PDB file of N, CA and C in Angstrom:
ATOM      1  N   UNK A   1     227.546 227.398 264.231  1.00  0.00           N
ATOM      2  CA  UNK A   1     228.455 227.961 263.551  1.00  0.00           C
ATOM      3  C   UNK A   1     228.391 227.623 262.086  1.00  0.00           C
ATOM      4  N   UNK A   2     228.158 228.325 261.482  1.00  0.00           N
ATOM      5  CA  UNK A   2     228.052 227.840 259.728  1.00  0.00           C
ATOM      6  C   UNK A   2     229.716 227.892 259.401  1.00  0.00           C
ATOM      7  N   UNK A   3     230.029 227.049 258.313  1.00  0.00           N
ATOM      8  CA  UNK A   3     231.466 226.984 257.875  1.00  0.00           C
ATOM      9  C   UNK A   3     231.118 226.790 256.349  1.00  0.00           C
ATOM     10  N   UNK A   4     231.722 227.904 255.389  1.00  0.00           N
ATOM     11  CA  UNK A   4     231.884 227.736 254.233  1.00  0.00           C
ATOM     12  C   UNK A   4     232.978 227.495 253.125  1.00  0.00           C
ATOM     13  N   UNK A   5     232.602 225.971 252.857  1.00  0.00           N
ATOM     14  CA  UNK A   5     233.982 225.667 251.958  1.00  0.00           C
ATOM     15  C   UNK A   5     233.862 226.664 250.653  1.00  0.00           C
ATOM     16  N   UNK A   6     235.111 227.187 250.506  1.00  0.00           N
ATOM     17  CA  UNK A   6     235.521 228.197 248.938  1.00  0.00           C
ATOM     18  C   UNK A   6     236.587 227.148 248.326  1.00  0.00           C
ATOM     19  N   UNK A   7     236.035 227.243 247.246  1.00  0.00           N
ATOM     20  CA  UNK A   7     236.420 226.661 245.823  1.00  0.00           C
ATOM     21  C   UNK A   7     236.743 227.655 245.177  1.00  0.00           C
ATOM     22  N   UNK A   8     237.576 227.302 243.741  1.00  0.00           N
ATOM     23  CA  UNK A   8     237.501 228.515 242.799  1.00  0.00           C
ATOM     24  C   UNK A   8     237.143 227.653 241.724  1.00  0.00           C
ATOM     25  N   UNK A   9     237.419 228.776 240.556  1.00  0.00           N
ATOM     26  CA  UNK A   9     237.208 228.416 238.939  1.00  0.00           C
ATOM     27  C   UNK A   9     238.537 229.063 238.633  1.00  0.00           C
ATOM     28  N   UNK A  10     239.306 228.623 237.823  1.00  0.00           N
ATOM     29  CA  UNK A  10     240.266 229.057 236.798  1.00  0.00           C
ATOM     30  C   UNK A  10     239.809 229.425 236.217  1.00  0.00           C
ATOM     31  N   UNK A  11     240.188 230.432 235.207  1.00  0.00           N
ATOM     32  CA  UNK A  11     239.633 231.284 234.265  1.00  0.00           C
ATOM     33  C   UNK A  11     240.473 231.312 233.019  1.00  0.00           C
ATOM     34  N   UNK A  12     240.571 230.509 231.852  1.00  0.00           N
ATOM     35  CA  UNK A  12     241.713 229.922 231.100  1.00  0.00           C
ATOM     36  C   UNK A  12     241.231 230.917 230.376  1.00  0.00           C
ATOM     37  N   UNK A  13     239.950 230.574 229.215  1.00  0.00           N
ATOM     38  CA  UNK A  13     239.649 230.867 227.743  1.00  0.00           C
ATOM     39  C   UNK A  13     239.188 232.784 227.843  1.00  0.00           C
ATOM     40  N   UNK A  14     239.157 232.771 226.976  1.00  0.00           N
ATOM     41  CA  UNK A  14     238.731 234.302 226.539  1.00  0.00           C
ATOM     42  C   UNK A  14     236.971 234.470 227.287  1.00  0.00           C
ATOM     43  N   UNK A  15     236.546 233.527 226.712  1.00  0.00           N
ATOM     44  CA  UNK A  15     234.814 233.450 227.398  1.00  0.00           C
ATOM     45  C   UNK A  15     234.971 233.524 228.475  1.00  0.00           C
ATOM     46  N   UNK A  16     235.512 232.869 229.355  1.00  0.00           N
ATOM     47  CA  UNK A  16     235.291 232.702 230.595  1.00  0.00           C
ATOM     48  C   UNK A  16     235.916 233.999 231.445  1.00  0.00           C
ATOM     49  N   UNK A  17     236.813 234.723 230.941  1.00  0.00           N
ATOM     50  CA  UNK A  17     237.387 235.823 231.043  1.00  0.00           C
ATOM     51  C   UNK A  17     236.348 237.218 230.916  1.00  0.00           C
ATOM     52  N   UNK A  18     235.668 236.802 229.902  1.00  0.00           N
ATOM     53  CA  UNK A  18     234.777 237.980 229.192  1.00  0.00           C
ATOM     54  C   UNK A  18     233.455 237.970 230.074  1.00  0.00           C
ATOM     55  N   UNK A  19     233.007 236.325 230.680  1.00  0.00           N
ATOM     56  CA  UNK A  19     232.104 235.962 230.977  1.00  0.00           C
ATOM     57  C   UNK A  19     231.849 237.100 232.795  1.00  0.00           C
ATOM     58  N   UNK A  20     233.597 236.937 233.183  1.00  0.00           N
ATOM     59  CA  UNK A  20     233.449 237.582 234.496  1.00  0.00           C
ATOM     60  C   UNK A  20     233.271 238.720 234.797  1.00  0.00           C
ATOM     61  N   UNK A  21     234.186 239.292 233.259  1.00  0.00           N
ATOM     62  CA  UNK A  21     233.994 240.877 233.214  1.00  0.00           C
ATOM     63  C   UNK A  21     232.341 241.360 233.114  1.00  0.00           C
ATOM     64  N   UNK A  22     231.710 240.678 232.217  1.00  0.00           N
ATOM     65  CA  UNK A  22     230.182 240.796 232.231  1.00  0.00           C
ATOM     66  C   UNK A  22     229.579 240.836 233.934  1.00  0.00           C
ATOM     67  N   UNK A  23     229.365 239.774 234.338  1.00  0.00           N
ATOM     68  CA  UNK A  23     228.910 240.033 235.695  1.00  0.00           C
ATOM     69  C   UNK A  23     229.686 240.717 236.609  1.00  0.00           C
ATOM     70  N   UNK A  24     230.915 241.481 236.501  1.00  0.00           N
ATOM     71  CA  UNK A  24     231.586 242.039 237.401  1.00  0.00           C
ATOM     72  C   UNK A  24     232.061 241.321 238.440  1.00  0.00           C
ATOM     73  N   UNK A  25     232.289 239.730 238.487  1.00  0.00           N
ATOM     74  CA  UNK A  25     233.133 239.086 239.660  1.00  0.00           C
ATOM     75  C   UNK A  25     234.520 239.380 239.975  1.00  0.00           C
ATOM     76  N   UNK A  26     234.410 239.753 240.894  1.00  0.00           N
ATOM     77  CA  UNK A  26     235.978 239.438 241.701  1.00  0.00           C
ATOM     78  C   UNK A  26     237.290 238.672 241.277  1.00  0.00           C
ATOM     79  N   UNK A  27     237.831 238.995 240.279  1.00  0.00           N
ATOM     80  CA  UNK A  27     238.918 237.970 239.995  1.00  0.00           C
ATOM     81  C   UNK A  27     240.314 238.317 240.910  1.00  0.00           C
ATOM     82  N   UNK A  28     240.751 237.033 241.470  1.00  0.00           N
ATOM     83  CA  UNK A  28     241.993 237.606 241.862  1.00  0.00           C
ATOM     84  C   UNK A  28     243.297 236.824 241.313  1.00  0.00           C
ATOM     85  N   UNK A  29     244.247 236.717 241.506  1.00  0.00           N
ATOM     86  CA  UNK A  29     245.668 236.456 240.541  1.00  0.00           C
ATOM     87  C   UNK A  29     246.435 235.843 241.431  1.00  0.00           C
ATOM     88  N   UNK A  30     247.120 234.584 241.022  1.00  0.00           N
ATOM     89  CA  UNK A  30     247.740 233.888 241.491  1.00  0.00           C
ATOM     90  C   UNK A  30     248.964 233.266 240.670  1.00  0.00           C
ATOM     91  N   UNK A  31     249.733 232.618 241.016  1.00  0.00           N
ATOM     92  CA  UNK A  31     251.312 232.274 239.909  1.00  0.00           C
ATOM     93  C   UNK A  31     251.392 230.667 240.528  1.00  0.00           C
ATOM     94  N   UNK A  32     251.576 229.768 239.663  1.00  0.00           N
ATOM     95  CA  UNK A  32     251.492 228.617 240.161  1.00  0.00           C
ATOM     96  C   UNK A  32     252.964 227.989 239.623  1.00  0.00           C
ATOM     97  N   UNK A  33     253.796 227.637 240.380  1.00  0.00           N
ATOM     98  CA  UNK A  33     255.235 226.954 239.944  1.00  0.00           C
ATOM     99  C   UNK A  33     255.080 225.840 239.091  1.00  0.00           C
ATOM    100  N   UNK A  34     256.491 224.944 239.053  1.00  0.00           N
ATOM    101  CA  UNK A  34     256.340 223.743 238.144  1.00  0.00           C
ATOM    102  C   UNK A  34     256.408 222.878 239.401  1.00  0.00           C
ATOM    103  N   UNK A  35     256.109 222.908 240.746  1.00  0.00           N
ATOM    104  CA  UNK A  35     256.008 221.730 241.374  1.00  0.00           C
ATOM    105  C   UNK A  35     254.654 222.235 242.092  1.00  0.00           C
ATOM    106  N   UNK A  36     254.090 222.855 241.165  1.00  0.00           N
ATOM    107  CA  UNK A  36     252.390 223.155 241.730  1.00  0.00           C
ATOM    108  C   UNK A  36     252.053 223.802 242.758  1.00  0.00           C
ATOM    109  N   UNK A  37     253.130 224.425 243.249  1.00  0.00           N
ATOM    110  CA  UNK A  37     252.833 225.594 244.556  1.00  0.00           C
ATOM    111  C   UNK A  37     252.479 227.067 243.836  1.00  0.00           C
ATOM    112  N   UNK A  38     251.272 227.423 244.924  1.00  0.00           N
ATOM    113  CA  UNK A  38     250.548 228.335 244.519  1.00  0.00           C
ATOM    114  C   UNK A  38     251.128 229.820 245.186  1.00  0.00           C
ATOM    115  N   UNK A  39     251.099 230.677 244.824  1.00  0.00           N
ATOM    116  CA  UNK A  39     251.489 232.064 245.440  1.00  0.00           C
ATOM    117  C   UNK A  39     250.767 233.101 244.829  1.00  0.00           C
ATOM    118  N   UNK A  40     250.311 233.772 245.836  1.00  0.00           N
ATOM    119  CA  UNK A  40     248.896 234.784 245.992  1.00  0.00           C
ATOM    120  C   UNK A  40     250.115 235.698 245.346  1.00  0.00           C
ATOM    121  N   UNK A  41     249.327 236.124 243.953  1.00  0.00           N
ATOM    122  CA  UNK A  41     250.143 237.658 243.316  1.00  0.00           C
ATOM    123  C   UNK A  41     249.420 239.180 243.678  1.00  0.00           C
ATOM    124  N   UNK A  42     247.841 239.050 243.578  1.00  0.00           N
ATOM    125  CA  UNK A  42     247.622 239.990 243.492  1.00  0.00           C
ATOM    126  C   UNK A  42     246.033 239.992 244.079  1.00  0.00           C
ATOM    127  N   UNK A  43     245.304 240.647 244.863  1.00  0.00           N
ATOM    128  CA  UNK A  43     244.150 240.531 245.126  1.00  0.00           C
ATOM    129  C   UNK A  43     242.794 240.705 244.138  1.00  0.00           C
ATOM    130  N   UNK A  44     243.677 241.237 243.201  1.00  0.00           N
ATOM    131  CA  UNK A  44     242.801 241.749 241.921  1.00  0.00           C
ATOM    132  C   UNK A  44     241.372 243.019 241.756  1.00  0.00           C
ATOM    133  N   UNK A  45     240.023 242.188 241.127  1.00  0.00           N
ATOM    134  CA  UNK A  45     239.463 242.973 241.244  1.00  0.00           C
ATOM    135  C   UNK A  45     238.647 242.546 239.967  1.00  0.00           C
ATOM    136  N   UNK A  46     237.571 243.334 239.234  1.00  0.00           N
ATOM    137  CA  UNK A  46     236.904 242.790 237.985  1.00  0.00           C
ATOM    138  C   UNK A  46     237.969 243.310 236.865  1.00  0.00           C
ATOM    139  N   UNK A  47     237.911 242.623 235.767  1.00  0.00           N
ATOM    140  CA  UNK A  47     238.149 242.292 234.537  1.00  0.00           C
ATOM    141  C   UNK A  47     237.776 244.107 233.981  1.00  0.00           C
ATOM    142  N   UNK A  48     238.748 244.591 233.505  1.00  0.00           N
ATOM    143  CA  UNK A  48     238.562 245.739 232.503  1.00  0.00           C
ATOM    144  C   UNK A  48     238.354 245.399 230.861  1.00  0.00           C
ATOM    145  N   UNK A  49     239.676 244.317 231.068  1.00  0.00           N
ATOM    146  CA  UNK A  49     240.248 244.111 229.268  1.00  0.00           C
ATOM    147  C   UNK A  49     240.561 242.853 229.119  1.00  0.00           C
ATOM    148  N   UNK A  50     240.591 242.393 228.243  1.00  0.00           N
ATOM    149  CA  UNK A  50     241.309 241.025 227.888  1.00  0.00           C
ATOM    150  C   UNK A  50     241.654 241.277 226.522  1.00  0.00           C
ATOM    151  N   UNK A  51     243.089 240.586 226.578  1.00  0.00           N
ATOM    152  CA  UNK A  51     243.707 240.584 225.391  1.00  0.00           C
ATOM    153  C   UNK A  51     244.539 239.204 224.993  1.00  0.00           C
ATOM    154  N   UNK A  52     244.702 238.722 223.631  1.00  0.00           N
ATOM    155  CA  UNK A  52     245.031 237.538 223.880  1.00  0.00           C
ATOM    156  C   UNK A  52     246.641 237.056 224.310  1.00  0.00           C
ATOM    157  N   UNK A  53     247.085 238.380 225.167  1.00  0.00           N
ATOM    158  CA  UNK A  53     248.586 238.000 225.821  1.00  0.00           C
ATOM    159  C   UNK A  53     248.187 238.720 227.249  1.00  0.00           C
ATOM    160  N   UNK A  54     247.160 239.455 227.809  1.00  0.00           N
ATOM    161  CA  UNK A  54     247.272 240.056 228.721  1.00  0.00           C
ATOM    162  C   UNK A  54     245.664 239.931 229.068  1.00  0.00           C
ATOM    163  N   UNK A  55     245.735 240.759 230.972  1.00  0.00           N
ATOM    164  CA  UNK A  55     244.400 240.736 231.439  1.00  0.00           C
ATOM    165  C   UNK A  55     244.760 241.987 232.013  1.00  0.00           C
ATOM    166  N   UNK A  56     243.972 243.085 232.032  1.00  0.00           N
ATOM    167  CA  UNK A  56     243.460 244.411 232.779  1.00  0.00           C
ATOM    168  C   UNK A  56     242.669 244.348 233.623  1.00  0.00           C
ATOM    169  N   UNK A  57     243.313 244.119 235.006  1.00  0.00           N
ATOM    170  CA  UNK A  57     242.041 244.191 236.374  1.00  0.00           C
ATOM    171  C   UNK A  57     242.817 244.952 236.897  1.00  0.00           C
ATOM    172  N   UNK A  58     241.676 245.983 237.724  1.00  0.00           N
ATOM    173  CA  UNK A  58     241.748 247.264 238.539  1.00  0.00           C
ATOM    174  C   UNK A  58     243.272 247.997 238.151  1.00  0.00           C
ATOM    175  N   UNK A  59     243.050 248.378 237.005  1.00  0.00           N
ATOM    176  CA  UNK A  59     244.351 249.214 236.356  1.00  0.00           C
ATOM    177  C   UNK A  59     245.745 248.712 236.533  1.00  0.00           C
ATOM    178  N   UNK A  60     245.752 247.411 236.701  1.00  0.00           N
ATOM    179  CA  UNK A  60     246.999 246.738 236.616  1.00  0.00           C
ATOM    180  C   UNK A  60     247.153 245.368 235.194  1.00  0.00           C
ATOM    181  N   UNK A  61     247.647 245.578 234.641  1.00  0.00           N
ATOM    182  CA  UNK A  61     248.144 245.039 233.370  1.00  0.00           C
ATOM    183  C   UNK A  61     248.911 243.620 233.994  1.00  0.00           C
ATOM    184  N   UNK A  62     247.999 241.899 234.106  1.00  0.00           N
ATOM    185  CA  UNK A  62     248.921 240.964 234.014  1.00  0.00           C
ATOM    186  C   UNK A  62     249.025 239.991 233.091  1.00  0.00           C
ATOM    187  N   UNK A  63     250.117 239.383 232.681  1.00  0.00           N
ATOM    188  CA  UNK A  63     250.329 238.697 231.797  1.00  0.00           C
ATOM    189  C   UNK A  63     249.743 237.301 231.522  1.00  0.00           C
ATOM    190  N   UNK A  64     248.912 236.934 230.803  1.00  0.00           N
ATOM    191  CA  UNK A  64     248.262 235.465 230.605  1.00  0.00           C
ATOM    192  C   UNK A  64     249.230 234.499 230.822  1.00  0.00           C
ATOM    193  N   UNK A  65     249.795 234.352 230.110  1.00  0.00           N
ATOM    194  CA  UNK A  65     251.090 232.694 230.115  1.00  0.00           C
ATOM    195  C   UNK A  65     251.772 232.862 231.300  1.00  0.00           C
ATOM    196  N   UNK A  66     251.982 233.427 231.971  1.00  0.00           N
ATOM    197  CA  UNK A  66     252.732 233.515 233.320  1.00  0.00           C
ATOM    198  C   UNK A  66     251.952 233.084 234.894  1.00  0.00           C
ATOM    199  N   UNK A  67     250.462 233.596 234.840  1.00  0.00           N
ATOM    200  CA  UNK A  67     249.726 233.671 236.317  1.00  0.00           C
ATOM    201  C   UNK A  67     248.361 233.032 235.644  1.00  0.00           C
ATOM    202  N   UNK A  68     247.516 232.485 236.764  1.00  0.00           N
ATOM    203  CA  UNK A  68     246.310 232.575 236.919  1.00  0.00           C
ATOM    204  C   UNK A  68     245.235 233.116 237.243  1.00  0.00           C
ATOM    205  N   UNK A  69     244.255 232.870 236.889  1.00  0.00           N
ATOM    206  CA  UNK A  69     242.857 234.255 236.841  1.00  0.00           C
ATOM    207  C   UNK A  69     241.842 233.500 237.566  1.00  0.00           C
ATOM    208  N   UNK A  70     241.319 233.506 239.115  1.00  0.00           N
ATOM    209  CA  UNK A  70     240.233 232.895 239.833  1.00  0.00           C
ATOM    210  C   UNK A  70     239.546 233.764 240.060  1.00  0.00           C
ATOM    211  N   UNK A  71     238.190 232.808 240.127  1.00  0.00           N
ATOM    212  CA  UNK A  71     236.935 233.369 241.109  1.00  0.00           C
ATOM    213  C   UNK A  71     236.963 232.243 241.918  1.00  0.00           C
ATOM    214  N   UNK A  72     236.463 232.938 243.148  1.00  0.00           N
ATOM    215  CA  UNK A  72     235.640 232.147 244.195  1.00  0.00           C
ATOM    216  C   UNK A  72     234.185 231.302 243.613  1.00  0.00           C
ATOM    217  N   UNK A  73     234.137 230.068 243.955  1.00  0.00           N
ATOM    218  CA  UNK A  73     232.546 229.825 243.835  1.00  0.00           C
ATOM    219  C   UNK A  73     231.897 229.714 245.483  1.00  0.00           C
ATOM    220  N   UNK A  74     231.027 230.011 245.593  1.00  0.00           N
ATOM    221  CA  UNK A  74     230.248 229.413 246.824  1.00  0.00           C
ATOM    222  C   UNK A  74     229.874 227.769 246.911  1.00  0.00           C
ATOM    223  N   UNK A  75     230.163 227.297 247.859  1.00  0.00           N
ATOM    224  CA  UNK A  75     229.962 225.670 248.111  1.00  0.00           C
ATOM    225  C   UNK A  75     228.377 225.466 247.423  1.00  0.00           C
ATOM    226  N   UNK A  76     228.501 224.149 246.770  1.00  0.00           N
ATOM    227  CA  UNK A  76     227.644 223.733 246.250  1.00  0.00           C
ATOM    228  C   UNK A  76     227.248 224.398 244.609  1.00  0.00           C
ATOM    229  N   UNK A  77     228.419 225.110 244.294  1.00  0.00           N
ATOM    230  CA  UNK A  77     228.396 225.779 243.015  1.00  0.00           C
ATOM    231  C   UNK A  77     229.546 224.585 242.243  1.00  0.00           C
ATOM    232  N   UNK A  78     229.409 224.507 241.141  1.00  0.00           N
ATOM    233  CA  UNK A  78     230.323 223.584 240.420  1.00  0.00           C
ATOM    234  C   UNK A  78     230.743 224.270 239.306  1.00  0.00           C
ATOM    235  N   UNK A  79     231.753 224.187 238.762  1.00  0.00           N
ATOM    236  CA  UNK A  79     232.145 224.918 237.456  1.00  0.00           C
ATOM    237  C   UNK A  79     231.806 223.846 236.688  1.00  0.00           C
ATOM    238  N   UNK A  80     231.401 224.624 235.173  1.00  0.00           N
ATOM    239  CA  UNK A  80     230.745 223.896 234.150  1.00  0.00           C
ATOM    240  C   UNK A  80     232.154 222.602 233.170  1.00  0.00           C
TER     241      UNK A  80
END
């Protein structure tokens, strides 16, 4: 049996979001409350548009100040 540990990177900056769009990485959307509880918001997809206040993914617009945008990293990869 092969077990793959799934980790993620939070995309916070314009550069990270543009990079995800460029390589057409699958981005998913979560919300994190004050007690650091994570709630899945949307399965997401490829980033289509990045604005200072929002990100468009799979024809849906998500507000950047209210949500986190994440990509999965394969085991062994590390965020820079």
